[in-house]
Amino acid sequence: FNADDEMPTDVMHANLAALDALAQLRPRGYL
């Protein structure tokens, strides 16, 4: 959940970090 003034690239990096975190889960999660 991004703030209104965040740059798109910053939002992307937050989502990339979330994907790395999700890869550790069983049952599998998704983004």
PDB file of all heavy atoms in Angstrom:
ATOM      1  N   PHE A   1       0.862  -1.180   0.000  1.00  0.00           N
ATOM      2  CA  PHE A   1       0.000   0.000   0.000  1.00  0.00           C
ATOM      3  C   PHE A   1       0.903   1.236   0.000  1.00  0.00           C
ATOM      4  O   PHE A   1       1.416   1.645   1.026  1.00  0.00           O
ATOM      5  CB  PHE A   1      -0.925  -0.017   1.216  1.00  0.00           C
ATOM      6  CG  PHE A   1      -2.136  -0.879   1.027  1.00  0.00           C
ATOM      7  CD1 PHE A   1      -2.015  -2.239   0.812  1.00  0.00           C
ATOM      8  CD2 PHE A   1      -3.409  -0.328   1.060  1.00  0.00           C
ATOM      9  CE1 PHE A   1      -3.120  -3.040   0.629  1.00  0.00           C
ATOM     10  CE2 PHE A   1      -4.536  -1.122   0.870  1.00  0.00           C
ATOM     11  CZ  PHE A   1      -4.395  -2.478   0.653  1.00  0.00           C
ATOM     12  N   ASN A   2       1.057   1.811  -1.170  1.00  0.00           N
ATOM     13  CA  ASN A   2       1.975   2.931  -1.346  1.00  0.00           C
ATOM     14  C   ASN A   2       1.345   4.250  -0.904  1.00  0.00           C
ATOM     15  O   ASN A   2       0.118   4.408  -0.892  1.00  0.00           O
ATOM     16  CB  ASN A   2       2.368   3.053  -2.819  1.00  0.00           C
ATOM     17  CG  ASN A   2       1.157   3.293  -3.698  1.00  0.00           C
ATOM     18  OD1 ASN A   2       0.376   2.355  -3.927  1.00  0.00           O
ATOM     19  ND2 ASN A   2       0.972   4.509  -4.185  1.00  0.00           N
ATOM     20  N   ALA A   3       2.194   5.199  -0.547  1.00  0.00           N
ATOM     21  CA  ALA A   3       1.740   6.561  -0.293  1.00  0.00           C
ATOM     22  C   ALA A   3       1.501   7.265  -1.627  1.00  0.00           C
ATOM     23  O   ALA A   3       2.065   6.894  -2.665  1.00  0.00           O
ATOM     24  CB  ALA A   3       2.772   7.318   0.524  1.00  0.00           C
ATOM     25  N   ASP A   4       0.658   8.296  -1.611  1.00  0.00           N
ATOM     26  CA  ASP A   4       0.276   8.977  -2.854  1.00  0.00           C
ATOM     27  C   ASP A   4       1.460   9.627  -3.554  1.00  0.00           C
ATOM     28  O   ASP A   4       1.455   9.764  -4.781  1.00  0.00           O
ATOM     29  CB  ASP A   4      -0.789  10.039  -2.571  1.00  0.00           C
ATOM     30  CG  ASP A   4      -2.127   9.429  -2.180  1.00  0.00           C
ATOM     31  OD1 ASP A   4      -2.348   8.245  -2.506  1.00  0.00           O
ATOM     32  OD2 ASP A   4      -2.941  10.138  -1.554  1.00  0.00           O
ATOM     33  N   ASP A   5       2.473  10.034  -2.797  1.00  0.00           N
ATOM     34  CA  ASP A   5       3.587  10.768  -3.402  1.00  0.00           C
ATOM     35  C   ASP A   5       4.775   9.880  -3.752  1.00  0.00           C
ATOM     36  O   ASP A   5       5.838  10.382  -4.123  1.00  0.00           O
ATOM     37  CB  ASP A   5       4.042  11.897  -2.476  1.00  0.00           C
ATOM     38  CG  ASP A   5       4.493  11.396  -1.101  1.00  0.00           C
ATOM     39  OD1 ASP A   5       4.311  10.197  -0.811  1.00  0.00           O
ATOM     40  OD2 ASP A   5       5.022  12.216  -0.328  1.00  0.00           O
ATOM     41  N   GLU A   6       4.625   8.563  -3.668  1.00  0.00           N
ATOM     42  CA  GLU A   6       5.736   7.666  -4.000  1.00  0.00           C
ATOM     43  C   GLU A   6       5.949   7.568  -5.501  1.00  0.00           C
ATOM     44  O   GLU A   6       4.983   7.527  -6.277  1.00  0.00           O
ATOM     45  CB  GLU A   6       5.491   6.267  -3.423  1.00  0.00           C
ATOM     46  CG  GLU A   6       5.752   6.163  -1.940  1.00  0.00           C
ATOM     47  CD  GLU A   6       5.714   4.727  -1.458  1.00  0.00           C
ATOM     48  OE1 GLU A   6       6.630   3.957  -1.800  1.00  0.00           O
ATOM     49  OE2 GLU A   6       4.766   4.388  -0.732  1.00  0.00           O
ATOM     50  N   MET A   7       7.199   7.482  -5.890  1.00  0.00           N
ATOM     51  CA  MET A   7       7.532   7.326  -7.288  1.00  0.00           C
ATOM     52  C   MET A   7       7.264   5.884  -7.733  1.00  0.00           C
ATOM     53  O   MET A   7       7.432   4.937  -6.952  1.00  0.00           O
ATOM     54  CB  MET A   7       9.005   7.664  -7.521  1.00  0.00           C
ATOM     55  CG  MET A   7       9.349   9.113  -7.219  1.00  0.00           C
ATOM     56  SD  MET A   7       8.481  10.247  -8.324  1.00  0.00           S
ATOM     57  CE  MET A   7       9.260   9.823  -9.896  1.00  0.00           C
ATOM     58  N   PRO A   8       6.862   5.690  -8.992  1.00  0.00           N
ATOM     59  CA  PRO A   8       6.616   4.337  -9.491  1.00  0.00           C
ATOM     60  C   PRO A   8       7.793   3.389  -9.306  1.00  0.00           C
ATOM     61  O   PRO A   8       7.608   2.201  -9.008  1.00  0.00           O
ATOM     62  CB  PRO A   8       6.299   4.562 -10.975  1.00  0.00           C
ATOM     63  CG  PRO A   8       5.702   5.925 -11.023  1.00  0.00           C
ATOM     64  CD  PRO A   8       6.478   6.709  -9.988  1.00  0.00           C
ATOM     65  N   THR A   9       9.027   3.886  -9.450  1.00  0.00           N
ATOM     66  CA  THR A   9      10.186   3.003  -9.273  1.00  0.00           C
ATOM     67  C   THR A   9      10.307   2.525  -7.826  1.00  0.00           C
ATOM     68  O   THR A   9      10.701   1.377  -7.579  1.00  0.00           O
ATOM     69  CB  THR A   9      11.476   3.717  -9.692  1.00  0.00           C
ATOM     70  OG1 THR A   9      11.548   4.991  -9.042  1.00  0.00           O
ATOM     71  CG2 THR A   9      11.532   3.908 -11.196  1.00  0.00           C
ATOM     72  N   ASP A  10       9.960   3.388  -6.876  1.00  0.00           N
ATOM     73  CA  ASP A  10       9.997   2.985  -5.469  1.00  0.00           C
ATOM     74  C   ASP A  10       8.940   1.920  -5.189  1.00  0.00           C
ATOM     75  O   ASP A  10       9.178   0.979  -4.425  1.00  0.00           O
ATOM     76  CB  ASP A  10       9.789   4.195  -4.563  1.00  0.00           C
ATOM     77  CG  ASP A  10      10.932   5.198  -4.650  1.00  0.00           C
ATOM     78  OD1 ASP A  10      12.065   4.769  -4.928  1.00  0.00           O
ATOM     79  OD2 ASP A  10      10.677   6.407  -4.464  1.00  0.00           O
ATOM     80  N   VAL A  11       7.766   2.083  -5.794  1.00  0.00           N
ATOM     81  CA  VAL A  11       6.703   1.088  -5.641  1.00  0.00           C
ATOM     82  C   VAL A  11       7.150  -0.247  -6.228  1.00  0.00           C
ATOM     83  O   VAL A  11       6.918  -1.311  -5.650  1.00  0.00           O
ATOM     84  CB  VAL A  11       5.405   1.577  -6.316  1.00  0.00           C
ATOM     85  CG1 VAL A  11       4.324   0.490  -6.277  1.00  0.00           C
ATOM     86  CG2 VAL A  11       4.904   2.855  -5.640  1.00  0.00           C
ATOM     87  N   MET A  12       7.822  -0.191  -7.377  1.00  0.00           N
ATOM     88  CA  MET A  12       8.315  -1.432  -7.983  1.00  0.00           C
ATOM     89  C   MET A  12       9.294  -2.140  -7.061  1.00  0.00           C
ATOM     90  O   MET A  12       9.212  -3.365  -6.874  1.00  0.00           O
ATOM     91  CB  MET A  12       8.992  -1.128  -9.315  1.00  0.00           C
ATOM     92  CG  MET A  12       9.573  -2.370  -9.997  1.00  0.00           C
ATOM     93  SD  MET A  12      10.831  -1.994 -11.233  1.00  0.00           S
ATOM     94  CE  MET A  12      12.133  -1.303 -10.205  1.00  0.00           C
ATOM     95  N   HIS A  13      10.224  -1.401  -6.467  1.00  0.00           N
ATOM     96  CA  HIS A  13      11.222  -2.039  -5.599  1.00  0.00           C
ATOM     97  C   HIS A  13      10.553  -2.657  -4.369  1.00  0.00           C
ATOM     98  O   HIS A  13      10.983  -3.732  -3.905  1.00  0.00           O
ATOM     99  CB  HIS A  13      12.286  -1.023  -5.193  1.00  0.00           C
ATOM    100  CG  HIS A  13      13.254  -0.694  -6.295  1.00  0.00           C
ATOM    101  ND1 HIS A  13      14.061  -1.637  -6.897  1.00  0.00           N
ATOM    102  CD2 HIS A  13      13.516   0.486  -6.924  1.00  0.00           C
ATOM    103  CE1 HIS A  13      14.798  -1.079  -7.826  1.00  0.00           C
ATOM    104  NE2 HIS A  13      14.493   0.211  -7.868  1.00  0.00           N
ATOM    105  N   ALA A  14       9.526  -2.016  -3.834  1.00  0.00           N
ATOM    106  CA  ALA A  14       8.798  -2.604  -2.707  1.00  0.00           C
ATOM    107  C   ALA A  14       8.135  -3.910  -3.125  1.00  0.00           C
ATOM    108  O   ALA A  14       8.125  -4.890  -2.368  1.00  0.00           O
ATOM    109  CB  ALA A  14       7.752  -1.616  -2.185  1.00  0.00           C
ATOM    110  N   ASN A  15       7.617  -3.953  -4.340  1.00  0.00           N
ATOM    111  CA  ASN A  15       6.980  -5.179  -4.826  1.00  0.00           C
ATOM    112  C   ASN A  15       7.995  -6.262  -5.151  1.00  0.00           C
ATOM    113  O   ASN A  15       7.730  -7.454  -4.960  1.00  0.00           O
ATOM    114  CB  ASN A  15       6.112  -4.857  -6.049  1.00  0.00           C
ATOM    115  CG  ASN A  15       4.776  -4.255  -5.681  1.00  0.00           C
ATOM    116  OD1 ASN A  15       3.966  -4.881  -5.004  1.00  0.00           O
ATOM    117  ND2 ASN A  15       4.534  -3.022  -6.106  1.00  0.00           N
ATOM    118  N   LEU A  16       9.154  -5.891  -5.637  1.00  0.00           N
ATOM    119  CA  LEU A  16      10.213  -6.884  -5.865  1.00  0.00           C
ATOM    120  C   LEU A  16      10.638  -7.523  -4.548  1.00  0.00           C
ATOM    121  O   LEU A  16      10.859  -8.744  -4.475  1.00  0.00           O
ATOM    122  CB  LEU A  16      11.414  -6.221  -6.538  1.00  0.00           C
ATOM    123  CG  LEU A  16      11.263  -5.848  -8.016  1.00  0.00           C
ATOM    124  CD1 LEU A  16      12.473  -5.053  -8.487  1.00  0.00           C
ATOM    125  CD2 LEU A  16      11.068  -7.094  -8.886  1.00  0.00           C
ATOM    126  N   ALA A  17      10.731  -6.710  -3.494  1.00  0.00           N
ATOM    127  CA  ALA A  17      11.064  -7.254  -2.178  1.00  0.00           C
ATOM    128  C   ALA A  17       9.971  -8.204  -1.694  1.00  0.00           C
ATOM    129  O   ALA A  17      10.261  -9.233  -1.066  1.00  0.00           O
ATOM    130  CB  ALA A  17      11.266  -6.111  -1.180  1.00  0.00           C
ATOM    131  N   ALA A  18       8.729  -7.870  -1.988  1.00  0.00           N
ATOM    132  CA  ALA A  18       7.624  -8.743  -1.594  1.00  0.00           C
ATOM    133  C   ALA A  18       7.686 -10.075  -2.327  1.00  0.00           C
ATOM    134  O   ALA A  18       7.395 -11.133  -1.749  1.00  0.00           O
ATOM    135  CB  ALA A  18       6.289  -8.049  -1.858  1.00  0.00           C
ATOM    136  N   LEU A  19       8.064 -10.065  -3.587  1.00  0.00           N
ATOM    137  CA  LEU A  19       8.204 -11.323  -4.331  1.00  0.00           C
ATOM    138  C   LEU A  19       9.296 -12.202  -3.724  1.00  0.00           C
ATOM    139  O   LEU A  19       9.125 -13.425  -3.609  1.00  0.00           O
ATOM    140  CB  LEU A  19       8.511 -11.031  -5.802  1.00  0.00           C
ATOM    141  CG  LEU A  19       7.323 -10.590  -6.665  1.00  0.00           C
ATOM    142  CD1 LEU A  19       7.807 -10.041  -7.999  1.00  0.00           C
ATOM    143  CD2 LEU A  19       6.357 -11.749  -6.880  1.00  0.00           C
ATOM    144  N   ASP A  20      10.404 -11.604  -3.353  1.00  0.00           N
ATOM    145  CA  ASP A  20      11.466 -12.376  -2.706  1.00  0.00           C
ATOM    146  C   ASP A  20      10.973 -12.991  -1.396  1.00  0.00           C
ATOM    147  O   ASP A  20      11.311 -14.130  -1.060  1.00  0.00           O
ATOM    148  CB  ASP A  20      12.680 -11.484  -2.434  1.00  0.00           C
ATOM    149  CG  ASP A  20      13.424 -11.105  -3.709  1.00  0.00           C
ATOM    150  OD1 ASP A  20      13.274 -11.821  -4.721  1.00  0.00           O
ATOM    151  OD2 ASP A  20      14.143 -10.089  -3.691  1.00  0.00           O
ATOM    152  N   ALA A  21      10.161 -12.224  -0.653  1.00  0.00           N
ATOM    153  CA  ALA A  21       9.614 -12.741   0.602  1.00  0.00           C
ATOM    154  C   ALA A  21       8.630 -13.873   0.349  1.00  0.00           C
ATOM    155  O   ALA A  21       8.646 -14.905   1.039  1.00  0.00           O
ATOM    156  CB  ALA A  21       8.934 -11.614   1.373  1.00  0.00           C
ATOM    157  N   LEU A  22       7.780 -13.713  -0.649  1.00  0.00           N
ATOM    158  CA  LEU A  22       6.764 -14.721  -0.943  1.00  0.00           C
ATOM    159  C   LEU A  22       7.374 -16.053  -1.367  1.00  0.00           C
ATOM    160  O   LEU A  22       6.790 -17.115  -1.141  1.00  0.00           O
ATOM    161  CB  LEU A  22       5.833 -14.208  -2.053  1.00  0.00           C
ATOM    162  CG  LEU A  22       4.797 -13.180  -1.625  1.00  0.00           C
ATOM    163  CD1 LEU A  22       4.272 -12.407  -2.838  1.00  0.00           C
ATOM    164  CD2 LEU A  22       3.644 -13.855  -0.892  1.00  0.00           C
ATOM    165  N   ALA A  23       8.534 -16.003  -1.970  1.00  0.00           N
ATOM    166  CA  ALA A  23       9.188 -17.235  -2.429  1.00  0.00           C
ATOM    167  C   ALA A  23       9.543 -18.156  -1.271  1.00  0.00           C
ATOM    168  O   ALA A  23       9.796 -19.347  -1.478  1.00  0.00           O
ATOM    169  CB  ALA A  23      10.441 -16.889  -3.229  1.00  0.00           C
ATOM    170  N   GLN A  24       9.535 -17.638  -0.040  1.00  0.00           N
ATOM    171  CA  GLN A  24       9.887 -18.444   1.130  1.00  0.00           C
ATOM    172  C   GLN A  24       8.686 -19.189   1.714  1.00  0.00           C
ATOM    173  O   GLN A  24       8.860 -19.990   2.642  1.00  0.00           O
ATOM    174  CB  GLN A  24      10.478 -17.535   2.218  1.00  0.00           C
ATOM    175  CG  GLN A  24      11.670 -16.721   1.770  1.00  0.00           C
ATOM    176  CD  GLN A  24      12.176 -15.803   2.857  1.00  0.00           C
ATOM    177  OE1 GLN A  24      12.316 -16.216   4.012  1.00  0.00           O
ATOM    178  NE2 GLN A  24      12.449 -14.554   2.502  1.00  0.00           N
ATOM    179  N   LEU A  25       7.494 -18.938   1.198  1.00  0.00           N
ATOM    180  CA  LEU A  25       6.283 -19.444   1.839  1.00  0.00           C
ATOM    181  C   LEU A  25       5.809 -20.769   1.259  1.00  0.00           C
ATOM    182  O   LEU A  25       5.914 -21.016   0.065  1.00  0.00           O
ATOM    183  CB  LEU A  25       5.151 -18.419   1.713  1.00  0.00           C
ATOM    184  CG  LEU A  25       5.400 -17.049   2.350  1.00  0.00           C
ATOM    185  CD1 LEU A  25       4.219 -16.121   2.069  1.00  0.00           C
ATOM    186  CD2 LEU A  25       5.610 -17.187   3.852  1.00  0.00           C
ATOM    187  N   ARG A  26       5.270 -21.612   2.132  1.00  0.00           N
ATOM    188  CA  ARG A  26       4.544 -22.839   1.766  1.00  0.00           C
ATOM    189  C   ARG A  26       3.357 -22.965   2.709  1.00  0.00           C
ATOM    190  O   ARG A  26       3.574 -23.002   3.913  1.00  0.00           O
ATOM    191  CB  ARG A  26       5.449 -24.075   1.889  1.00  0.00           C
ATOM    192  CG  ARG A  26       6.669 -24.063   0.999  1.00  0.00           C
ATOM    193  CD  ARG A  26       6.307 -24.191  -0.490  1.00  0.00           C
ATOM    194  NE  ARG A  26       7.501 -24.292  -1.315  1.00  0.00           N
ATOM    195  CZ  ARG A  26       8.248 -23.261  -1.703  1.00  0.00           C
ATOM    196  NH1 ARG A  26       7.922 -22.036  -1.327  1.00  0.00           N
ATOM    197  NH2 ARG A  26       9.312 -23.440  -2.449  1.00  0.00           N
ATOM    198  N   PRO A  27       2.106 -22.999   2.242  1.00  0.00           N
ATOM    199  CA  PRO A  27       1.695 -22.990   0.840  1.00  0.00           C
ATOM    200  C   PRO A  27       2.081 -21.685   0.140  1.00  0.00           C
ATOM    201  O   PRO A  27       2.293 -20.672   0.793  1.00  0.00           O
ATOM    202  CB  PRO A  27       0.170 -23.143   0.915  1.00  0.00           C
ATOM    203  CG  PRO A  27      -0.203 -22.646   2.264  1.00  0.00           C
ATOM    204  CD  PRO A  27       0.942 -22.982   3.155  1.00  0.00           C
ATOM    205  N   ARG A  28       2.172 -21.776  -1.191  1.00  0.00           N
ATOM    206  CA  ARG A  28       2.676 -20.656  -1.956  1.00  0.00           C
ATOM    207  C   ARG A  28       1.758 -19.451  -1.837  1.00  0.00           C
ATOM    208  O   ARG A  28       0.542 -19.560  -1.879  1.00  0.00           O
ATOM    209  CB  ARG A  28       2.801 -21.032  -3.438  1.00  0.00           C
ATOM    210  CG  ARG A  28       3.729 -22.190  -3.707  1.00  0.00           C
ATOM    211  CD  ARG A  28       5.134 -21.951  -3.174  1.00  0.00           C
ATOM    212  NE  ARG A  28       5.803 -20.820  -3.783  1.00  0.00           N
ATOM    213  CZ  ARG A  28       6.532 -20.914  -4.883  1.00  0.00           C
ATOM    214  NH1 ARG A  28       6.681 -22.074  -5.502  1.00  0.00           N
ATOM    215  NH2 ARG A  28       7.132 -19.864  -5.376  1.00  0.00           N
ATOM    216  N   GLY A  29       2.356 -18.293  -1.726  1.00  0.00           N
ATOM    217  CA  GLY A  29       1.603 -17.056  -1.766  1.00  0.00           C
ATOM    218  C   GLY A  29       1.631 -16.471  -3.166  1.00  0.00           C
ATOM    219  O   GLY A  29       2.130 -17.084  -4.114  1.00  0.00           O
ATOM    220  N   TYR A  30       1.087 -15.285  -3.300  1.00  0.00           N
ATOM    221  CA  TYR A  30       1.213 -14.563  -4.558  1.00  0.00           C
ATOM    222  C   TYR A  30       1.215 -13.074  -4.274  1.00  0.00           C
ATOM    223  O   TYR A  30       0.870 -12.628  -3.170  1.00  0.00           O
ATOM    224  CB  TYR A  30       0.127 -14.958  -5.565  1.00  0.00           C
ATOM    225  CG  TYR A  30      -1.285 -14.493  -5.253  1.00  0.00           C
ATOM    226  CD1 TYR A  30      -1.717 -13.207  -5.604  1.00  0.00           C
ATOM    227  CD2 TYR A  30      -2.207 -15.351  -4.660  1.00  0.00           C
ATOM    228  CE1 TYR A  30      -3.011 -12.795  -5.344  1.00  0.00           C
ATOM    229  CE2 TYR A  30      -3.499 -14.940  -4.409  1.00  0.00           C
ATOM    230  CZ  TYR A  30      -3.903 -13.661  -4.756  1.00  0.00           C
ATOM    231  OH  TYR A  30      -5.188 -13.248  -4.501  1.00  0.00           O
ATOM    232  N   LEU A  31       1.637 -12.281  -5.264  1.00  0.00           N
ATOM    233  CA  LEU A  31       1.766 -10.838  -5.092  1.00  0.00           C
ATOM    234  C   LEU A  31       0.573 -10.119  -5.697  1.00  0.00           C
ATOM    235  O   LEU A  31       0.198 -10.356  -6.850  1.00  0.00           O
ATOM    236  CB  LEU A  31       3.051 -10.343  -5.761  1.00  0.00           C
ATOM    237  CG  LEU A  31       3.294  -8.828  -5.667  1.00  0.00           C
ATOM    238  CD1 LEU A  31       3.548  -8.410  -4.218  1.00  0.00           C
ATOM    239  CD2 LEU A  31       4.469  -8.416  -6.553  1.00  0.00           C
TER     240      LEU A  31
END
